[in-house]
Amino acid sequence: MSGQYTGEEKSAATDDGSATVDSDSERNTLKDASTQTEKNLNPSYVNVKIENLVLKNELADLKSKITSKDEPVKFFCVDDVKDNDRKCKFYTGLTWLQFLCVWEFLGPAMEKLTYWNQPLKSCRKSPSKTRGTKRKLSATNELFLTLVRLRTGLLNEDLGYRFGITSSTVSKIVITWVQFMYKQFSGLKTAMFAPRDVIKSNLPPSFKGFKGVRTVIDCTEFHVEQASNFERQGNLYSSYKGHGTYKVLIGVAPCGAVMYVSDAFEGSMSDVEIVKQSGFLDHLKRGDLVIADRGFTIRELLGERGVDLNIPPFLHGRDRLTPDEEKLTRQIARVRIHVERGIERIKKFRLLQKVIPLSLQPIFSQMVFVAGCLVNFQEPLVNLQKSK
């Protein structure tokens, strides 16, 4: 019939139609592939893609710069520990109130400091009066940075990153402030060595058996970098420590306050010789009592000034001490713990625990004295209220 397909014709038509559709699809696919190949091979197309990528990167950089201008980089500063005693004590060894007390004590001269810009070998000379480098930090932050350096022992480069300044600027700030604090605290040297009546009015019960006691003394040593000069190596060598050291004589009051800090002496020098040369004897008065360890055989030196010495007794060839001598030894050990705890507090300023580099040795005496004075701004070692 017209208008109708037979089964065979319908099948053939279907097959022909399918073949036609498949053939068109293949042509389109080949055309797309050809177009993509042409694009990929076309140099102008590749250049456009590269330019587009470069522009995207430039746009990202511009956005980053705009954001950084809107949000300036926040560097470490004193505000980060303000009113936070735990953080302030970790970084400086002082509570926030104690830090403010140090700030007030140092006075207005802090604002007019000129950075030390000379070789440290000439550190005892007055700094140049010419205008120095422009200050990068506020005076408060310079003091804070110096205390952080002393307390934590962080490297100059580390502190430079934290405070947003160069490591050389950190070094100049620390050297300047250590010498400035030494100068300001030096006015306290006489007052620190408290008179006997003040000592007596603040005497802990453990000292009641030591009439006229004025101070408890001991020497402590600090590891120093080996010098290249052989003679200096020998002078610094400590037979007790087995390496080069500086020795410092420390005097502590019975109440735990640091009374006396000598200059640093070479490690080979004896305790007796340090007592002679340090100027410690000039602070003593007739009738005073000094408590020390066995190494301080200075009874004759003190006797010339009318001062008594109390040290643990020696065996002198005997097998054992007498009962009274053993009792005295225990009593002295009980009270000598105060000077040991005072020294321990000074050495908690971790810069002093490290091997002292040659670059800092010219101001090492100042560093130890400053640390001793800072200890006196801390809480008392002995709670006199509880003791009484």
Protein backbone atom coordinates (compact mmCIF):
# COMPACT_ATOMS: atom_id res chain seq x y z
CA MET A 1 0.00 0.00 0.00
CA SER A 2 1.15 3.57 -0.75
CA GLY A 3 2.35 5.65 2.27
CA GLN A 4 3.31 2.54 4.16
CA TYR A 5 6.61 0.68 4.47
CA THR A 6 7.03 -2.98 4.38
CA GLY A 7 8.82 -4.55 7.30
CA GLU A 8 12.01 -4.93 5.32
CA GLU A 9 11.85 -1.35 3.99
CA LYS A 10 11.16 0.04 7.53
CA SER A 11 14.14 -1.82 8.87
CA ALA A 12 16.32 -0.58 6.11
CA ALA A 13 15.14 3.01 6.59
CA THR A 14 15.80 2.75 10.29
CA ASP A 15 19.21 1.38 9.65
CA ASP A 16 19.92 4.13 7.12
CA GLY A 17 18.69 6.82 9.55
CA SER A 18 20.83 5.51 12.34
CA ALA A 19 23.80 5.44 10.11
CA THR A 20 23.16 9.05 9.14
CA VAL A 21 22.91 10.24 12.77
CA ASP A 22 26.09 8.41 13.75
CA SER A 23 27.92 9.89 10.82
CA ASP A 24 26.90 13.48 11.80
CA SER A 25 27.98 12.96 15.42
CA GLU A 26 31.37 11.76 14.32
CA ARG A 27 31.79 14.77 12.06
CA ASN A 28 30.94 17.19 14.91
CA THR A 29 33.38 15.46 17.24
CA LEU A 30 36.15 15.59 14.67
CA LYS A 31 35.37 19.25 14.01
CA ASP A 32 35.62 20.13 17.75
CA ALA A 33 38.86 18.23 18.09
CA SER A 34 40.21 19.97 15.05
CA THR A 35 39.20 23.36 16.43
CA GLN A 36 40.81 22.62 19.82
CA THR A 37 43.99 21.45 18.13
CA GLU A 38 44.07 24.62 16.07
CA LYS A 39 43.59 26.73 19.22
CA ASN A 40 46.27 24.84 21.09
CA LEU A 41 48.66 25.17 18.21
CA ASN A 42 47.80 28.83 17.60
CA PRO A 43 50.56 31.04 19.18
CA SER A 44 48.20 34.00 19.64
CA TYR A 45 45.82 31.83 21.67
CA VAL A 46 48.64 30.64 23.93
CA ASN A 47 49.83 34.23 24.46
CA VAL A 48 46.34 35.31 25.49
CA LYS A 49 46.17 32.48 28.03
CA ILE A 50 49.57 33.47 29.51
CA GLU A 51 48.62 37.16 29.68
CA ASN A 52 45.38 36.23 31.38
CA LEU A 53 47.29 34.21 34.01
CA VAL A 54 49.78 37.04 34.62
CA LEU A 55 46.97 39.56 35.07
CA LYS A 56 45.25 37.27 37.58
CA ASN A 57 48.47 37.05 39.63
CA GLU A 58 48.96 40.83 39.54
CA LEU A 59 45.38 41.32 40.69
CA ALA A 60 45.94 38.93 43.61
CA ASP A 61 49.11 40.83 44.60
CA LEU A 62 47.28 44.17 44.50
CA LYS A 63 44.49 42.79 46.68
CA SER A 64 47.09 41.48 49.13
CA LYS A 65 48.83 44.86 49.32
CA ILE A 66 45.55 46.69 49.84
CA THR A 67 44.65 44.27 52.65
CA SER A 68 48.08 44.67 54.29
CA LYS A 69 47.70 48.46 54.24
CA ASP A 70 44.31 48.21 55.84
CA GLU A 71 45.62 45.73 58.45
CA PRO A 72 49.21 46.65 59.48
CA VAL A 73 51.50 43.88 60.77
CA LYS A 74 51.28 43.54 64.55
CA PHE A 75 54.69 43.16 66.18
CA PHE A 76 55.42 42.02 69.73
CA CYS A 77 55.34 44.89 72.21
CA VAL A 78 54.83 45.74 75.88
CA ASP A 79 51.05 46.00 75.33
CA ASP A 80 50.99 42.23 74.84
CA VAL A 81 51.86 41.68 78.51
CA LYS A 82 50.19 44.75 79.99
CA ASP A 83 48.09 43.89 83.08
CA ASN A 84 48.89 40.19 82.57
CA ASP A 85 51.22 39.23 85.43
CA ARG A 86 51.76 35.68 84.21
CA LYS A 87 52.95 36.72 80.72
CA CYS A 88 54.88 39.72 82.03
CA LYS A 89 56.72 37.58 84.56
CA PHE A 90 57.55 34.96 81.94
CA TYR A 91 59.13 37.50 79.58
CA THR A 92 60.70 39.92 82.08
CA GLY A 93 60.88 38.18 85.47
CA LEU A 94 58.64 40.92 86.89
CA THR A 95 54.91 41.34 87.40
CA TRP A 96 53.29 44.25 85.57
CA LEU A 97 53.33 46.38 88.74
CA GLN A 98 57.01 45.55 89.32
CA PHE A 99 57.79 46.47 85.71
CA LEU A 100 56.11 49.85 86.25
CA CYS A 101 58.14 50.34 89.45
CA VAL A 102 61.38 49.78 87.50
CA TRP A 103 60.13 52.21 84.84
CA GLU A 104 59.40 54.89 87.42
CA PHE A 105 62.72 54.37 89.18
CA LEU A 106 64.77 54.80 86.00
CA GLY A 107 63.32 58.28 85.56
CA PRO A 108 62.80 60.69 82.65
CA ALA A 109 66.34 60.27 81.28
CA MET A 110 65.04 57.17 79.46
CA GLU A 111 63.42 59.36 76.83
CA LYS A 112 66.74 61.04 75.93
CA LEU A 113 68.98 58.01 75.50
CA THR A 114 71.34 57.81 72.55
CA TYR A 115 72.05 54.33 71.19
CA TRP A 116 75.48 53.03 72.05
CA ASN A 117 77.33 52.96 68.74
CA GLN A 118 80.95 52.25 69.71
CA PRO A 119 83.04 49.10 70.09
CA LEU A 120 82.30 47.49 73.46
CA LYS A 121 86.01 47.59 74.33
CA SER A 122 85.49 51.30 75.00
CA CYS A 123 82.31 50.82 77.04
CA ARG A 124 83.72 52.64 80.05
CA LYS A 125 84.06 55.84 78.07
CA SER A 126 81.22 58.32 77.76
CA PRO A 127 79.16 57.93 74.59
CA SER A 128 79.47 60.47 71.83
CA LYS A 129 77.34 63.55 72.29
CA THR A 130 76.48 63.61 68.59
CA ARG A 131 72.95 62.62 67.70
CA GLY A 132 72.66 58.86 67.33
CA THR A 133 70.43 56.59 65.28
CA LYS A 134 66.76 57.53 65.25
CA ARG A 135 64.88 55.40 67.77
CA LYS A 136 62.75 52.69 66.21
CA LEU A 137 60.80 51.81 69.39
CA SER A 138 59.30 53.77 72.24
CA ALA A 139 61.33 53.96 75.46
CA THR A 140 58.88 51.58 77.17
CA ASN A 141 59.31 48.98 74.44
CA GLU A 142 63.09 49.37 74.52
CA LEU A 143 63.11 48.63 78.24
CA PHE A 144 60.74 45.72 77.64
CA LEU A 145 62.94 44.33 74.85
CA THR A 146 66.05 44.56 77.08
CA LEU A 147 64.34 42.71 79.93
CA VAL A 148 63.08 40.05 77.51
CA ARG A 149 66.65 39.56 76.25
CA LEU A 150 67.99 39.23 79.81
CA ARG A 151 65.20 37.01 81.09
CA THR A 152 64.66 34.63 78.17
CA GLY A 153 68.07 34.72 76.50
CA LEU A 154 66.45 34.94 73.04
CA LEU A 155 68.83 35.69 70.17
CA ASN A 156 69.07 39.20 68.75
CA GLU A 157 67.76 37.98 65.39
CA ASP A 158 64.75 36.34 67.03
CA LEU A 159 63.93 39.54 68.92
CA GLY A 160 64.40 41.51 65.70
CA TYR A 161 61.67 39.48 64.01
CA ARG A 162 59.39 39.78 67.05
CA PHE A 163 59.77 43.55 67.44
CA GLY A 164 60.01 44.43 63.73
CA ILE A 165 63.58 45.79 63.82
CA THR A 166 67.01 44.59 62.71
CA SER A 167 69.19 42.37 64.88
CA SER A 168 71.88 45.09 64.96
CA THR A 169 69.32 47.54 66.36
CA VAL A 170 68.38 44.98 69.02
CA SER A 171 72.04 44.73 70.01
CA LYS A 172 72.41 48.51 70.26
CA ILE A 173 69.25 48.81 72.36
CA VAL A 174 70.30 46.06 74.80
CA ILE A 175 73.84 47.40 75.24
CA THR A 176 72.53 50.95 75.73
CA TRP A 177 69.89 49.97 78.27
CA VAL A 178 72.10 47.59 80.27
CA GLN A 179 74.62 50.40 80.76
CA PHE A 180 71.88 52.92 81.50
CA MET A 181 70.25 50.69 84.12
CA TYR A 182 73.67 49.97 85.64
CA LYS A 183 74.30 53.69 85.98
CA GLN A 184 70.90 54.31 87.56
CA PHE A 185 71.05 51.31 89.90
CA SER A 186 74.64 52.11 90.95
CA GLY A 187 73.25 54.89 93.10
CA LEU A 188 71.70 52.16 95.26
CA LYS A 189 74.95 50.34 96.08
CA THR A 190 75.34 51.93 99.52
CA ALA A 191 71.64 51.64 100.36
CA MET A 192 71.53 48.00 99.25
CA PHE A 193 74.15 47.09 101.87
CA ALA A 194 71.66 47.67 104.68
CA PRO A 195 72.96 48.71 108.14
CA ARG A 196 72.91 46.25 111.01
CA ASP A 197 69.88 47.79 112.76
CA VAL A 198 67.76 47.39 109.61
CA ILE A 199 68.98 43.81 109.25
CA LYS A 200 68.12 43.11 112.87
CA SER A 201 64.58 44.46 112.55
CA ASN A 202 63.93 42.10 109.60
CA LEU A 203 65.73 39.02 110.92
CA PRO A 204 64.12 35.61 110.22
CA PRO A 205 63.97 33.17 113.16
CA SER A 206 66.66 30.90 111.64
CA PHE A 207 69.24 33.70 112.15
CA LYS A 208 68.44 34.41 115.81
CA GLY A 209 71.50 32.45 116.98
CA PHE A 210 73.92 34.57 114.90
CA LYS A 211 74.46 37.79 116.81
CA GLY A 212 75.40 40.82 114.72
CA VAL A 213 74.89 39.03 111.39
CA ARG A 214 75.11 41.45 108.46
CA THR A 215 75.29 39.32 105.34
CA VAL A 216 75.72 35.84 103.89
CA ILE A 217 78.22 35.60 101.01
CA ASP A 218 79.20 33.16 98.29
CA CYS A 219 80.89 33.19 94.87
CA THR A 220 79.15 31.94 91.75
CA GLU A 221 80.56 31.21 88.31
CA PHE A 222 79.30 31.91 84.78
CA HIS A 223 80.44 30.00 81.69
CA VAL A 224 82.16 32.25 79.12
CA GLU A 225 83.21 31.73 75.51
CA GLN A 226 86.84 30.73 75.15
CA ALA A 227 89.15 33.58 74.22
CA SER A 228 91.67 33.20 71.40
CA ASN A 229 94.47 34.59 73.58
CA PHE A 230 96.21 31.71 75.41
CA GLU A 231 97.08 33.81 78.45
CA ARG A 232 93.47 34.89 78.83
CA GLN A 233 92.32 31.30 78.40
CA GLY A 234 94.48 30.31 81.37
CA ASN A 235 93.25 33.20 83.51
CA LEU A 236 89.61 32.39 82.81
CA TYR A 237 89.99 28.65 83.36
CA SER A 238 88.17 27.38 86.45
CA SER A 239 89.58 24.16 87.91
CA TYR A 240 86.23 23.65 89.66
CA LYS A 241 84.11 23.95 86.49
CA GLY A 242 86.68 22.64 84.00
CA HIS A 243 86.19 25.49 81.52
CA GLY A 244 86.48 29.27 81.28
CA THR A 245 84.32 31.23 83.73
CA TYR A 246 83.71 34.58 85.31
CA LYS A 247 83.41 34.64 89.11
CA VAL A 248 81.13 37.04 90.96
CA LEU A 249 80.86 37.57 94.73
CA ILE A 250 77.23 37.82 95.89
CA GLY A 251 76.09 39.04 99.31
CA VAL A 252 72.54 38.40 100.48
CA ALA A 253 70.77 39.81 103.53
CA PRO A 254 69.18 37.39 106.04
CA CYS A 255 65.76 38.47 104.71
CA GLY A 256 66.78 37.33 101.19
CA ALA A 257 67.45 40.70 99.53
CA VAL A 258 70.52 41.01 97.31
CA MET A 259 72.92 43.31 99.18
CA TYR A 260 76.09 43.12 97.16
CA VAL A 261 77.17 42.12 93.63
CA SER A 262 80.86 42.43 92.78
CA ASP A 263 82.38 42.97 89.36
CA ALA A 264 83.18 39.83 87.39
CA PHE A 265 86.62 38.29 88.01
CA GLU A 266 88.51 35.67 86.03
CA GLY A 267 87.63 32.10 86.95
CA SER A 268 91.14 31.17 88.11
CA MET A 269 91.00 33.70 90.95
CA SER A 270 90.35 32.37 94.47
CA ASP A 271 87.40 33.38 96.64
CA VAL A 272 89.74 35.02 99.14
CA GLU A 273 91.43 37.13 96.46
CA ILE A 274 88.06 38.26 95.12
CA VAL A 275 87.03 39.40 98.60
CA LYS A 276 90.24 41.43 98.81
CA GLN A 277 89.91 43.08 95.39
CA SER A 278 86.15 43.51 95.03
CA GLY A 279 85.63 46.28 97.58
CA PHE A 280 83.29 44.13 99.67
CA LEU A 281 85.31 44.78 102.85
CA ASP A 282 84.71 48.54 102.57
CA HIS A 283 81.00 48.03 103.31
CA LEU A 284 81.53 46.27 106.64
CA LYS A 285 81.50 47.88 110.09
CA ARG A 286 83.08 46.88 113.38
CA GLY A 287 80.91 44.29 115.16
CA ASP A 288 79.42 42.83 111.97
CA LEU A 289 79.18 39.08 111.42
CA VAL A 290 79.67 37.53 107.98
CA ILE A 291 78.46 33.99 107.24
CA ALA A 292 80.20 32.05 104.45
CA ASP A 293 81.29 28.65 103.21
CA ARG A 294 84.54 26.86 104.13
CA GLY A 295 86.38 28.28 101.10
CA PHE A 296 86.30 31.81 102.56
CA THR A 297 89.30 31.63 104.86
CA ILE A 298 89.17 35.38 105.49
CA ARG A 299 89.08 35.50 109.29
CA GLU A 300 92.30 37.54 109.49
CA LEU A 301 91.13 39.97 106.81
CA LEU A 302 87.88 40.57 108.67
CA GLY A 303 89.55 40.63 112.08
CA GLU A 304 91.61 43.66 111.00
CA ARG A 305 88.31 45.53 110.68
CA GLY A 306 86.72 44.18 113.84
CA VAL A 307 84.38 41.92 111.84
CA ASP A 308 83.67 38.32 112.80
CA LEU A 309 83.37 35.34 110.43
CA ASN A 310 81.21 32.27 110.82
CA ILE A 311 82.04 29.33 108.54
CA PRO A 312 81.57 25.56 109.02
CA PRO A 313 84.36 24.05 111.16
CA PHE A 314 87.21 22.02 109.61
CA LEU A 315 88.21 18.49 110.60
CA HIS A 316 91.92 19.41 110.92
CA GLY A 317 93.00 15.76 110.57
CA ARG A 318 90.26 14.34 112.79
CA ASP A 319 87.90 11.56 111.75
CA ARG A 320 84.74 13.47 112.69
CA LEU A 321 83.40 16.72 114.07
CA THR A 322 82.37 17.14 117.67
CA PRO A 323 78.62 17.22 118.43
CA ASP A 324 78.75 21.02 118.89
CA GLU A 325 80.57 21.44 115.58
CA GLU A 326 78.04 19.26 113.78
CA LYS A 327 75.24 21.36 115.25
CA LEU A 328 76.95 24.57 114.12
CA THR A 329 77.49 23.11 110.63
CA ARG A 330 73.76 22.34 110.31
CA GLN A 331 72.84 25.83 111.54
CA ILE A 332 75.14 27.49 109.01
CA ALA A 333 73.82 25.27 106.19
CA ARG A 334 70.27 26.30 107.12
CA VAL A 335 71.00 30.00 106.81
CA ARG A 336 73.32 29.72 103.80
CA ILE A 337 70.36 28.51 101.78
CA HIS A 338 69.32 32.17 101.48
CA VAL A 339 72.40 33.16 99.48
CA GLU A 340 71.99 30.08 97.30
CA ARG A 341 68.37 31.01 96.56
CA GLY A 342 69.40 34.59 95.85
CA ILE A 343 72.02 33.40 93.33
CA GLU A 344 69.44 31.08 91.81
CA ARG A 345 67.11 34.03 91.24
CA ILE A 346 69.87 36.00 89.53
CA LYS A 347 70.63 33.06 87.25
CA LYS A 348 66.99 32.75 86.25
CA PHE A 349 67.81 35.60 83.91
CA ARG A 350 68.63 33.01 81.26
CA LEU A 351 71.05 35.13 79.28
CA LEU A 352 73.42 34.61 82.24
CA GLN A 353 72.92 30.82 82.07
CA LYS A 354 74.18 30.60 78.49
CA VAL A 355 77.79 30.61 77.40
CA ILE A 356 78.56 34.33 77.55
CA PRO A 357 79.78 35.36 74.07
CA LEU A 358 82.91 37.43 73.65
CA SER A 359 80.76 40.29 72.34
CA LEU A 360 79.01 40.66 75.73
CA GLN A 361 81.98 40.06 78.05
CA PRO A 362 82.93 43.78 78.28
CA ILE A 363 79.53 44.56 79.88
CA PHE A 364 79.11 41.30 81.79
CA SER A 365 79.71 42.90 85.21
CA GLN A 366 76.95 45.41 84.47
CA MET A 367 74.58 42.64 83.35
CA VAL A 368 74.97 40.65 86.59
CA PHE A 369 74.59 43.74 88.77
CA VAL A 370 71.44 44.78 86.88
CA ALA A 371 70.02 41.26 87.30
CA GLY A 372 70.74 41.42 91.05
CA CYS A 373 68.92 44.75 91.33
CA LEU A 374 65.94 43.43 89.33
CA VAL A 375 65.69 40.53 91.80
CA ASN A 376 65.11 43.11 94.55
CA PHE A 377 62.04 44.37 92.65
CA GLN A 378 60.55 40.87 92.85
CA GLU A 379 58.63 39.34 95.75
CA PRO A 380 60.79 38.82 98.89
CA LEU A 381 62.56 35.48 99.23
CA VAL A 382 61.57 35.25 102.88
CA ASN A 383 58.04 35.99 104.02
CA LEU A 384 58.79 37.77 107.30
CA GLN A 385 55.13 37.78 108.35
CA LYS A 386 54.97 33.97 108.19
CA SER A 387 58.41 33.68 109.80
CA LYS A 388 57.23 35.68 112.79
